Amino acid sequence: MKFIALKSRGGDYLVVAENVAWLRSAENGQTSVGIVGGAPILVAGTIEEIAAIIGAD
């Protein structure tokens, strides 16, 4: 199980990488991250930045 750290303006998250279902652009340079079985979270960074974090080994 691989955990990834995602920064948010309201607090940081540790997310299981395999549980990320989708990414969607949000306003002010943020991205909505869809989590399997849960509500999406809003994190700081563009889709490309978040995808690179999720895909990094």
PDB file of N, CA and C in Angstrom:
ATOM      1  N   MET A   1       0.856  -1.161   0.000  1.00  0.00           N
ATOM      2  CA  MET A   1       0.000   0.000   0.000  1.00  0.00           C
ATOM      3  C   MET A   1       0.910   1.234   0.000  1.00  0.00           C
ATOM      4  N   LYS A   2       0.687   2.121  -0.945  1.00  0.00           N
ATOM      5  CA  LYS A   2       1.503   3.326  -1.084  1.00  0.00           C
ATOM      6  C   LYS A   2       0.700   4.545  -0.639  1.00  0.00           C
ATOM      7  N   PHE A   3       1.208   5.256   0.366  1.00  0.00           N
ATOM      8  CA  PHE A   3       0.588   6.496   0.818  1.00  0.00           C
ATOM      9  C   PHE A   3       1.258   7.670   0.122  1.00  0.00           C
ATOM     10  N   ILE A   4       0.462   8.682  -0.222  1.00  0.00           N
ATOM     11  CA  ILE A   4       0.996   9.904  -0.802  1.00  0.00           C
ATOM     12  C   ILE A   4       0.547  11.083   0.049  1.00  0.00           C
ATOM     13  N   ALA A   5       1.414  12.070   0.162  1.00  0.00           N
ATOM     14  CA  ALA A   5       1.092  13.282   0.909  1.00  0.00           C
ATOM     15  C   ALA A   5       0.579  14.335  -0.062  1.00  0.00           C
ATOM     16  N   LEU A   6      -0.611  14.868   0.197  1.00  0.00           N
ATOM     17  CA  LEU A   6      -1.189  15.924  -0.626  1.00  0.00           C
ATOM     18  C   LEU A   6      -1.426  17.137   0.263  1.00  0.00           C
ATOM     19  N   LYS A   7      -0.960  18.280  -0.189  1.00  0.00           N
ATOM     20  CA  LYS A   7      -1.092  19.531   0.558  1.00  0.00           C
ATOM     21  C   LYS A   7      -2.441  20.174   0.267  1.00  0.00           C
ATOM     22  N   SER A   8      -3.013  20.758   1.283  1.00  0.00           N
ATOM     23  CA  SER A   8      -4.282  21.465   1.151  1.00  0.00           C
ATOM     24  C   SER A   8      -4.170  22.770   1.909  1.00  0.00           C
ATOM     25  N   ARG A   9      -4.952  23.735   1.520  1.00  0.00           N
ATOM     26  CA  ARG A   9      -4.918  25.018   2.212  1.00  0.00           C
ATOM     27  C   ARG A   9      -5.564  24.929   3.588  1.00  0.00           C
ATOM     28  N   GLY A  10      -6.384  23.909   3.804  1.00  0.00           N
ATOM     29  CA  GLY A  10      -7.052  23.753   5.096  1.00  0.00           C
ATOM     30  C   GLY A  10      -6.429  22.692   5.973  1.00  0.00           C
ATOM     31  N   GLY A  11      -5.419  21.995   5.485  1.00  0.00           N
ATOM     32  CA  GLY A  11      -4.765  20.905   6.213  1.00  0.00           C
ATOM     33  C   GLY A  11      -4.257  19.892   5.209  1.00  0.00           C
ATOM     34  N   ASP A  12      -3.312  19.086   5.597  1.00  0.00           N
ATOM     35  CA  ASP A  12      -2.706  18.136   4.670  1.00  0.00           C
ATOM     36  C   ASP A  12      -3.362  16.765   4.780  1.00  0.00           C
ATOM     37  N   TYR A  13      -3.209  15.956   3.714  1.00  0.00           N
ATOM     38  CA  TYR A  13      -3.791  14.613   3.658  1.00  0.00           C
ATOM     39  C   TYR A  13      -2.709  13.587   3.379  1.00  0.00           C
ATOM     40  N   LEU A  14      -2.878  12.395   3.912  1.00  0.00           N
ATOM     41  CA  LEU A  14      -2.152  11.207   3.479  1.00  0.00           C
ATOM     42  C   LEU A  14      -3.203  10.301   2.857  1.00  0.00           C
ATOM     43  N   VAL A  15      -3.026   9.974   1.587  1.00  0.00           N
ATOM     44  CA  VAL A  15      -4.024   9.240   0.824  1.00  0.00           C
ATOM     45  C   VAL A  15      -3.386   7.965   0.267  1.00  0.00           C
ATOM     46  N   VAL A  16      -4.127   6.877   0.252  1.00  0.00           N
ATOM     47  CA  VAL A  16      -3.660   5.653  -0.399  1.00  0.00           C
ATOM     48  C   VAL A  16      -3.753   5.878  -1.908  1.00  0.00           C
ATOM     49  N   ALA A  17      -2.629   5.789  -2.593  1.00  0.00           N
ATOM     50  CA  ALA A  17      -2.568   6.112  -4.024  1.00  0.00           C
ATOM     51  C   ALA A  17      -3.570   5.292  -4.845  1.00  0.00           C
ATOM     52  N   GLU A  18      -3.751   4.027  -4.507  1.00  0.00           N
ATOM     53  CA  GLU A  18      -4.661   3.155  -5.265  1.00  0.00           C
ATOM     54  C   GLU A  18      -6.128   3.557  -5.109  1.00  0.00           C
ATOM     55  N   ASN A  19      -6.438   4.396  -4.116  1.00  0.00           N
ATOM     56  CA  ASN A  19      -7.823   4.821  -3.885  1.00  0.00           C
ATOM     57  C   ASN A  19      -8.203   6.087  -4.646  1.00  0.00           C
ATOM     58  N   VAL A  20      -7.271   6.682  -5.383  1.00  0.00           N
ATOM     59  CA  VAL A  20      -7.588   7.879  -6.169  1.00  0.00           C
ATOM     60  C   VAL A  20      -8.311   7.438  -7.435  1.00  0.00           C
ATOM     61  N   ALA A  21      -9.530   7.952  -7.633  1.00  0.00           N
ATOM     62  CA  ALA A  21     -10.349   7.555  -8.776  1.00  0.00           C
ATOM     63  C   ALA A  21     -10.291   8.559  -9.920  1.00  0.00           C
ATOM     64  N   TRP A  22     -10.196   9.853  -9.615  1.00  0.00           N
ATOM     65  CA  TRP A  22     -10.199  10.879 -10.660  1.00  0.00           C
ATOM     66  C   TRP A  22      -9.623  12.181 -10.122  1.00  0.00           C
ATOM     67  N   LEU A  23      -9.246  13.057 -11.065  1.00  0.00           N
ATOM     68  CA  LEU A  23      -8.766  14.408 -10.758  1.00  0.00           C
ATOM     69  C   LEU A  23      -9.570  15.398 -11.585  1.00  0.00           C
ATOM     70  N   ARG A  24      -9.875  16.543 -10.998  1.00  0.00           N
ATOM     71  CA  ARG A  24     -10.602  17.587 -11.733  1.00  0.00           C
ATOM     72  C   ARG A  24     -10.071  18.952 -11.313  1.00  0.00           C
ATOM     73  N   SER A  25      -9.872  19.821 -12.299  1.00  0.00           N
ATOM     74  CA  SER A  25      -9.403  21.179 -12.002  1.00  0.00           C
ATOM     75  C   SER A  25     -10.430  21.919 -11.171  1.00  0.00           C
ATOM     76  N   ALA A  26      -9.936  22.672 -10.205  1.00  0.00           N
ATOM     77  CA  ALA A  26     -10.774  23.542  -9.389  1.00  0.00           C
ATOM     78  C   ALA A  26     -10.209  24.952  -9.518  1.00  0.00           C
ATOM     79  N   GLU A  27     -10.833  25.903  -8.863  1.00  0.00           N
ATOM     80  CA  GLU A  27     -10.360  27.271  -9.005  1.00  0.00           C
ATOM     81  C   GLU A  27      -9.153  27.555  -8.114  1.00  0.00           C
ATOM     82  N   ASN A  28      -8.471  28.641  -8.429  1.00  0.00           N
ATOM     83  CA  ASN A  28      -7.321  29.133  -7.648  1.00  0.00           C
ATOM     84  C   ASN A  28      -6.172  28.142  -7.566  1.00  0.00           C
ATOM     85  N   GLY A  29      -5.889  27.438  -8.668  1.00  0.00           N
ATOM     86  CA  GLY A  29      -4.751  26.525  -8.707  1.00  0.00           C
ATOM     87  C   GLY A  29      -4.903  25.286  -7.853  1.00  0.00           C
ATOM     88  N   GLN A  30      -6.133  24.880  -7.612  1.00  0.00           N
ATOM     89  CA  GLN A  30      -6.394  23.702  -6.794  1.00  0.00           C
ATOM     90  C   GLN A  30      -6.969  22.574  -7.662  1.00  0.00           C
ATOM     91  N   THR A  31      -6.971  21.365  -7.113  1.00  0.00           N
ATOM     92  CA  THR A  31      -7.488  20.187  -7.807  1.00  0.00           C
ATOM     93  C   THR A  31      -8.391  19.404  -6.867  1.00  0.00           C
ATOM     94  N   SER A  32      -9.531  18.951  -7.386  1.00  0.00           N
ATOM     95  CA  SER A  32     -10.392  18.022  -6.644  1.00  0.00           C
ATOM     96  C   SER A  32      -9.900  16.617  -6.928  1.00  0.00           C
ATOM     97  N   VAL A  33      -9.729  15.840  -5.870  1.00  0.00           N
ATOM     98  CA  VAL A  33      -9.255  14.467  -5.985  1.00  0.00           C
ATOM     99  C   VAL A  33     -10.379  13.548  -5.531  1.00  0.00           C
ATOM    100  N   GLY A  34     -10.880  12.728  -6.454  1.00  0.00           N
ATOM    101  CA  GLY A  34     -11.933  11.777  -6.128  1.00  0.00           C
ATOM    102  C   GLY A  34     -11.345  10.549  -5.461  1.00  0.00           C
ATOM    103  N   ILE A  35     -11.923  10.164  -4.338  1.00  0.00           N
ATOM    104  CA  ILE A  35     -11.457   9.018  -3.562  1.00  0.00           C
ATOM    105  C   ILE A  35     -12.504   7.910  -3.632  1.00  0.00           C
ATOM    106  N   VAL A  36     -12.064   6.692  -3.934  1.00  0.00           N
ATOM    107  CA  VAL A  36     -12.974   5.549  -3.997  1.00  0.00           C
ATOM    108  C   VAL A  36     -13.671   5.388  -2.649  1.00  0.00           C
ATOM    109  N   GLY A  37     -15.000   5.352  -2.681  1.00  0.00           N
ATOM    110  CA  GLY A  37     -15.780   5.137  -1.473  1.00  0.00           C
ATOM    111  C   GLY A  37     -15.881   6.340  -0.553  1.00  0.00           C
ATOM    112  N   GLY A  38     -15.496   7.522  -1.033  1.00  0.00           N
ATOM    113  CA  GLY A  38     -15.544   8.702  -0.178  1.00  0.00           C
ATOM    114  C   GLY A  38     -15.799   9.968  -0.970  1.00  0.00           C
ATOM    115  N   ALA A  39     -15.883  11.057  -0.267  1.00  0.00           N
ATOM    116  CA  ALA A  39     -16.095  12.360  -0.893  1.00  0.00           C
ATOM    117  C   ALA A  39     -14.767  12.877  -1.447  1.00  0.00           C
ATOM    118  N   PRO A  40     -14.821  13.680  -2.511  1.00  0.00           N
ATOM    119  CA  PRO A  40     -13.583  14.255  -3.050  1.00  0.00           C
ATOM    120  C   PRO A  40     -12.941  15.224  -2.059  1.00  0.00           C
ATOM    121  N   ILE A  41     -11.625  15.359  -2.171  1.00  0.00           N
ATOM    122  CA  ILE A  41     -10.901  16.317  -1.346  1.00  0.00           C
ATOM    123  C   ILE A  41     -10.326  17.396  -2.254  1.00  0.00           C
ATOM    124  N   LEU A  42     -10.167  18.588  -1.731  1.00  0.00           N
ATOM    125  CA  LEU A  42      -9.625  19.713  -2.485  1.00  0.00           C
ATOM    126  C   LEU A  42      -8.187  19.924  -2.030  1.00  0.00           C
ATOM    127  N   VAL A  43      -7.250  19.841  -2.982  1.00  0.00           N
ATOM    128  CA  VAL A  43      -5.830  19.968  -2.648  1.00  0.00           C
ATOM    129  C   VAL A  43      -5.195  21.076  -3.472  1.00  0.00           C
ATOM    130  N   ALA A  44      -4.073  21.576  -2.990  1.00  0.00           N
ATOM    131  CA  ALA A  44      -3.340  22.631  -3.683  1.00  0.00           C
ATOM    132  C   ALA A  44      -2.491  22.025  -4.786  1.00  0.00           C
ATOM    133  N   GLY A  45      -2.537  22.612  -5.983  1.00  0.00           N
ATOM    134  CA  GLY A  45      -1.738  22.155  -7.116  1.00  0.00           C
ATOM    135  C   GLY A  45      -2.607  21.869  -8.323  1.00  0.00           C
ATOM    136  N   THR A  46      -1.985  21.891  -9.489  1.00  0.00           N
ATOM    137  CA  THR A  46      -2.694  21.614 -10.744  1.00  0.00           C
ATOM    138  C   THR A  46      -2.874  20.108 -10.925  1.00  0.00           C
ATOM    139  N   ILE A  47      -3.694  19.736 -11.875  1.00  0.00           N
ATOM    140  CA  ILE A  47      -3.898  18.317 -12.186  1.00  0.00           C
ATOM    141  C   ILE A  47      -2.565  17.650 -12.504  1.00  0.00           C
ATOM    142  N   GLU A  48      -1.744  18.324 -13.301  1.00  0.00           N
ATOM    143  CA  GLU A  48      -0.457  17.754 -13.696  1.00  0.00           C
ATOM    144  C   GLU A  48       0.460  17.541 -12.492  1.00  0.00           C
ATOM    145  N   GLU A  49       0.481  18.493 -11.575  1.00  0.00           N
ATOM    146  CA  GLU A  49       1.313  18.362 -10.371  1.00  0.00           C
ATOM    147  C   GLU A  49       0.835  17.214  -9.487  1.00  0.00           C
ATOM    148  N   ILE A  50      -0.472  17.111  -9.316  1.00  0.00           N
ATOM    149  CA  ILE A  50      -1.034  16.053  -8.473  1.00  0.00           C
ATOM    150  C   ILE A  50      -0.836  14.695  -9.127  1.00  0.00           C
ATOM    151  N   ALA A  51      -1.019  14.603 -10.436  1.00  0.00           N
ATOM    152  CA  ALA A  51      -0.796  13.343 -11.153  1.00  0.00           C
ATOM    153  C   ALA A  51       0.655  12.896 -11.018  1.00  0.00           C
ATOM    154  N   ALA A  52       1.589  13.839 -11.069  1.00  0.00           N
ATOM    155  CA  ALA A  52       3.005  13.492 -10.916  1.00  0.00           C
ATOM    156  C   ALA A  52       3.290  12.968  -9.515  1.00  0.00           C
ATOM    157  N   ILE A  53       2.651  13.539  -8.512  1.00  0.00           N
ATOM    158  CA  ILE A  53       2.829  13.062  -7.129  1.00  0.00           C
ATOM    159  C   ILE A  53       2.272  11.651  -6.990  1.00  0.00           C
ATOM    160  N   ILE A  54       1.101  11.411  -7.550  1.00  0.00           N
ATOM    161  CA  ILE A  54       0.466  10.099  -7.438  1.00  0.00           C
ATOM    162  C   ILE A  54       1.272   9.043  -8.189  1.00  0.00           C
ATOM    163  N   GLY A  55       1.798   9.398  -9.349  1.00  0.00           N
ATOM    164  CA  GLY A  55       2.530   8.437 -10.184  1.00  0.00           C
ATOM    165  C   GLY A  55       3.979   8.236  -9.803  1.00  0.00           C
ATOM    166  N   ALA A  56       4.526   9.076  -8.921  1.00  0.00           N
ATOM    167  CA  ALA A  56       5.939   8.963  -8.542  1.00  0.00           C
ATOM    168  C   ALA A  56       6.186   7.702  -7.730  1.00  0.00           C
ATOM    169  N   ASP A  57       7.343   7.121  -7.922  1.00  0.00           N
ATOM    170  CA  ASP A  57       7.725   5.920  -7.139  1.00  0.00           C
ATOM    171  C   ASP A  57       8.553   6.281  -5.959  1.00  0.00           C
TER     172      ASP A  57
END
